Amino acid sequence: MPDKRSLYDCSNAVVLDDRICCKAGHTLCKVSKDGCLNIERLARGRDLIFSVCQGCEDFDEMDGGKVEIENRGWAVPYGER
């Protein structure tokens, strides 16, 4: 089974202030007014795998491979996630 697509791997995922948004215009969070996510998930190194990304024609995989779990986040030490 192939790996699921993650926002860590898509060059269309951008951080604007305290929000993670899709520069291709896709809604990442249905409950937010702007369709963007709070940056806290990124800060804690949590998974950023969403159903909208799985079949997305605009998914643009970044060069350089996957972002390893231990290299994600900055708000808490790796062992406390």
N, C-alpha and C. Protein backbone atom coordinates (compact mmCIF):
# COMPACT_ATOMS: atom_id res chain seq x y z
N MET A 1 0.85 -1.18 0.00
CA MET A 1 0.00 0.00 0.00
C MET A 1 0.89 1.24 0.00
N PRO A 2 0.63 2.18 -0.88
CA PRO A 2 1.45 3.40 -0.93
C PRO A 2 1.23 4.27 0.30
N ASP A 3 2.25 5.07 0.61
CA ASP A 3 2.13 6.01 1.73
C ASP A 3 1.02 7.01 1.45
N LYS A 4 0.38 7.44 2.52
CA LYS A 4 -0.63 8.49 2.36
C LYS A 4 0.07 9.82 2.15
N ARG A 5 -0.56 10.68 1.39
CA ARG A 5 -0.03 12.01 1.13
C ARG A 5 -0.16 12.87 2.38
N SER A 6 0.86 13.65 2.63
CA SER A 6 0.91 14.51 3.80
C SER A 6 1.21 15.94 3.37
N LEU A 7 0.73 16.89 4.15
CA LEU A 7 1.06 18.29 3.86
C LEU A 7 2.55 18.55 4.00
N TYR A 8 3.25 17.71 4.78
CA TYR A 8 4.70 17.85 4.89
C TYR A 8 5.38 17.66 3.53
N ASP A 9 4.72 16.95 2.64
CA ASP A 9 5.32 16.58 1.36
C ASP A 9 4.80 17.39 0.18
N CYS A 10 3.89 18.30 0.39
CA CYS A 10 3.29 19.06 -0.71
C CYS A 10 3.77 20.51 -0.72
N SER A 11 4.26 20.93 -1.86
CA SER A 11 4.76 22.31 -1.95
C SER A 11 3.64 23.34 -2.01
N ASN A 12 2.39 22.91 -2.07
CA ASN A 12 1.27 23.85 -2.03
C ASN A 12 0.85 24.20 -0.60
N ALA A 13 1.38 23.49 0.38
CA ALA A 13 1.09 23.79 1.78
C ALA A 13 1.98 24.95 2.22
N VAL A 14 1.36 26.02 2.70
CA VAL A 14 2.11 27.19 3.13
C VAL A 14 1.63 27.64 4.51
N VAL A 15 2.52 28.28 5.24
CA VAL A 15 2.17 28.84 6.55
C VAL A 15 2.02 30.34 6.38
N LEU A 16 0.87 30.83 6.76
CA LEU A 16 0.57 32.26 6.74
C LEU A 16 0.19 32.67 8.16
N ASP A 17 1.03 33.46 8.79
CA ASP A 17 0.85 33.84 10.19
C ASP A 17 0.76 32.57 11.05
N ASP A 18 -0.39 32.29 11.64
CA ASP A 18 -0.53 31.11 12.49
C ASP A 18 -1.44 30.06 11.85
N ARG A 19 -1.51 30.04 10.52
CA ARG A 19 -2.39 29.14 9.79
C ARG A 19 -1.61 28.35 8.74
N ILE A 20 -2.03 27.11 8.49
CA ILE A 20 -1.51 26.31 7.39
C ILE A 20 -2.59 26.31 6.31
N CYS A 21 -2.22 26.79 5.12
CA CYS A 21 -3.18 26.92 4.04
C CYS A 21 -2.68 26.20 2.79
N CYS A 22 -3.58 25.98 1.86
CA CYS A 22 -3.23 25.39 0.58
C CYS A 22 -3.20 26.51 -0.45
N LYS A 23 -2.03 26.75 -1.05
CA LYS A 23 -1.96 27.84 -2.02
C LYS A 23 -2.66 27.49 -3.33
N ALA A 24 -3.08 26.23 -3.50
CA ALA A 24 -3.88 25.85 -4.65
C ALA A 24 -5.37 26.10 -4.39
N GLY A 25 -5.69 26.52 -3.15
CA GLY A 25 -7.05 26.91 -2.81
C GLY A 25 -7.94 25.83 -2.23
N HIS A 26 -7.40 24.68 -1.90
CA HIS A 26 -8.22 23.61 -1.35
C HIS A 26 -8.50 23.83 0.14
N THR A 27 -9.67 23.42 0.59
CA THR A 27 -10.08 23.53 1.98
C THR A 27 -9.44 22.40 2.78
N LEU A 28 -8.62 22.76 3.75
CA LEU A 28 -7.96 21.77 4.61
C LEU A 28 -8.79 21.47 5.85
N CYS A 29 -9.58 22.44 6.28
CA CYS A 29 -10.40 22.29 7.49
C CYS A 29 -11.80 22.86 7.21
N LYS A 30 -12.78 22.01 7.25
CA LYS A 30 -14.15 22.42 6.92
C LYS A 30 -14.80 23.31 7.97
N VAL A 31 -14.30 23.26 9.21
CA VAL A 31 -14.93 24.03 10.27
C VAL A 31 -14.34 25.44 10.42
N SER A 32 -13.24 25.73 9.76
CA SER A 32 -12.67 27.08 9.86
C SER A 32 -13.24 27.95 8.74
N LYS A 33 -13.36 29.22 9.00
CA LYS A 33 -13.92 30.15 8.02
C LYS A 33 -13.05 30.27 6.77
N ASP A 34 -11.73 30.18 6.95
CA ASP A 34 -10.81 30.35 5.82
C ASP A 34 -10.37 29.04 5.18
N GLY A 35 -10.78 27.90 5.73
CA GLY A 35 -10.41 26.60 5.19
C GLY A 35 -9.00 26.17 5.55
N CYS A 36 -8.35 26.94 6.41
CA CYS A 36 -6.97 26.66 6.81
C CYS A 36 -6.94 26.01 8.19
N LEU A 37 -5.78 25.48 8.55
CA LEU A 37 -5.58 24.82 9.84
C LEU A 37 -4.78 25.70 10.78
N ASN A 38 -4.98 25.50 12.07
CA ASN A 38 -4.15 26.16 13.06
C ASN A 38 -2.75 25.55 13.00
N ILE A 39 -1.74 26.36 13.19
CA ILE A 39 -0.36 25.92 13.08
C ILE A 39 0.08 24.99 14.21
N GLU A 40 -0.72 24.86 15.26
CA GLU A 40 -0.33 24.06 16.41
C GLU A 40 0.00 22.62 16.05
N ARG A 41 -0.74 22.02 15.13
CA ARG A 41 -0.44 20.64 14.71
C ARG A 41 0.96 20.54 14.12
N LEU A 42 1.35 21.53 13.34
CA LEU A 42 2.70 21.56 12.76
C LEU A 42 3.74 21.77 13.85
N ALA A 43 3.47 22.68 14.76
CA ALA A 43 4.41 22.99 15.84
C ALA A 43 4.68 21.76 16.71
N ARG A 44 3.68 20.93 16.88
CA ARG A 44 3.82 19.73 17.71
C ARG A 44 4.32 18.53 16.92
N GLY A 45 4.49 18.69 15.60
CA GLY A 45 5.00 17.59 14.78
C GLY A 45 3.99 16.50 14.50
N ARG A 46 2.72 16.81 14.64
CA ARG A 46 1.66 15.83 14.42
C ARG A 46 1.53 15.50 12.93
N ASP A 47 0.87 14.38 12.64
CA ASP A 47 0.60 14.02 11.25
C ASP A 47 -0.23 15.11 10.58
N LEU A 48 0.06 15.36 9.33
CA LEU A 48 -0.71 16.32 8.55
C LEU A 48 -1.26 15.62 7.31
N ILE A 49 -1.96 14.51 7.56
CA ILE A 49 -2.55 13.69 6.51
C ILE A 49 -4.05 13.95 6.50
N PHE A 50 -4.56 14.44 5.36
CA PHE A 50 -5.97 14.78 5.25
C PHE A 50 -6.56 14.16 4.00
N SER A 51 -7.83 13.80 4.06
CA SER A 51 -8.48 13.12 2.94
C SER A 51 -8.47 13.97 1.68
N VAL A 52 -8.59 15.28 1.82
CA VAL A 52 -8.61 16.16 0.65
C VAL A 52 -7.30 16.05 -0.17
N CYS A 53 -6.22 15.70 0.48
CA CYS A 53 -4.92 15.61 -0.20
C CYS A 53 -4.73 14.30 -0.96
N GLN A 54 -5.45 13.25 -0.57
CA GLN A 54 -5.19 11.92 -1.09
C GLN A 54 -5.43 11.79 -2.59
N GLY A 55 -6.45 12.38 -3.11
CA GLY A 55 -6.72 12.29 -4.55
C GLY A 55 -6.53 13.62 -5.26
N CYS A 56 -5.85 14.54 -4.62
CA CYS A 56 -5.73 15.90 -5.14
C CYS A 56 -4.87 15.96 -6.40
N GLU A 57 -5.43 16.54 -7.45
CA GLU A 57 -4.69 16.71 -8.71
C GLU A 57 -3.62 17.79 -8.60
N ASP A 58 -3.74 18.66 -7.60
CA ASP A 58 -2.76 19.74 -7.42
C ASP A 58 -1.64 19.37 -6.46
N PHE A 59 -1.69 18.15 -5.89
CA PHE A 59 -0.64 17.73 -4.96
C PHE A 59 0.69 17.78 -5.69
N ASP A 60 1.61 18.55 -5.15
CA ASP A 60 2.91 18.79 -5.79
C ASP A 60 4.00 18.33 -4.83
N GLU A 61 4.41 17.07 -5.01
CA GLU A 61 5.38 16.49 -4.09
C GLU A 61 6.71 17.23 -4.17
N MET A 62 7.19 17.63 -3.01
CA MET A 62 8.45 18.37 -2.93
C MET A 62 9.63 17.44 -3.17
N ASP A 63 10.67 17.99 -3.73
CA ASP A 63 11.92 17.24 -3.90
C ASP A 63 12.58 17.09 -2.54
N GLY A 64 13.38 16.05 -2.39
CA GLY A 64 14.12 15.87 -1.16
C GLY A 64 13.56 14.80 -0.25
N GLY A 65 12.49 14.15 -0.65
CA GLY A 65 11.97 13.05 0.14
C GLY A 65 11.09 13.47 1.29
N LYS A 66 10.78 12.50 2.11
CA LYS A 66 9.86 12.69 3.23
C LYS A 66 10.52 13.44 4.38
N VAL A 67 9.71 14.16 5.14
CA VAL A 67 10.18 14.79 6.37
C VAL A 67 10.04 13.73 7.46
N GLU A 68 11.14 13.31 8.01
CA GLU A 68 11.12 12.27 9.03
C GLU A 68 10.44 12.77 10.30
N ILE A 69 9.81 11.86 11.02
CA ILE A 69 9.05 12.22 12.23
C ILE A 69 9.90 12.99 13.22
N GLU A 70 11.14 12.58 13.41
CA GLU A 70 12.00 13.25 14.40
C GLU A 70 12.40 14.66 13.98
N ASN A 71 12.16 15.03 12.73
CA ASN A 71 12.48 16.37 12.24
C ASN A 71 11.26 17.28 12.18
N ARG A 72 10.14 16.82 12.67
CA ARG A 72 8.91 17.60 12.63
C ARG A 72 8.70 18.33 13.96
N GLY A 73 8.09 19.49 13.88
CA GLY A 73 7.67 20.22 15.06
C GLY A 73 8.80 20.90 15.80
N TRP A 74 8.41 21.75 16.74
CA TRP A 74 9.37 22.49 17.55
C TRP A 74 8.82 22.85 18.93
N ALA A 75 7.54 22.62 19.16
CA ALA A 75 6.91 23.07 20.40
C ALA A 75 7.15 22.15 21.58
N VAL A 76 7.35 20.87 21.35
CA VAL A 76 7.57 19.91 22.42
C VAL A 76 8.66 18.93 22.00
N PRO A 77 9.40 18.38 22.96
CA PRO A 77 10.41 17.38 22.61
C PRO A 77 9.77 16.17 21.94
N TYR A 78 10.52 15.50 21.07
CA TYR A 78 10.01 14.38 20.28
C TYR A 78 9.33 13.32 21.13
N GLY A 79 9.89 12.93 22.24
CA GLY A 79 9.34 11.87 23.07
C GLY A 79 8.01 12.20 23.73
N GLU A 80 7.61 13.46 23.74
CA GLU A 80 6.38 13.88 24.41
C GLU A 80 5.22 14.08 23.44
N ARG A 81 5.39 13.77 22.17
CA ARG A 81 4.31 14.00 21.18
C ARG A 81 3.24 12.97 21.27
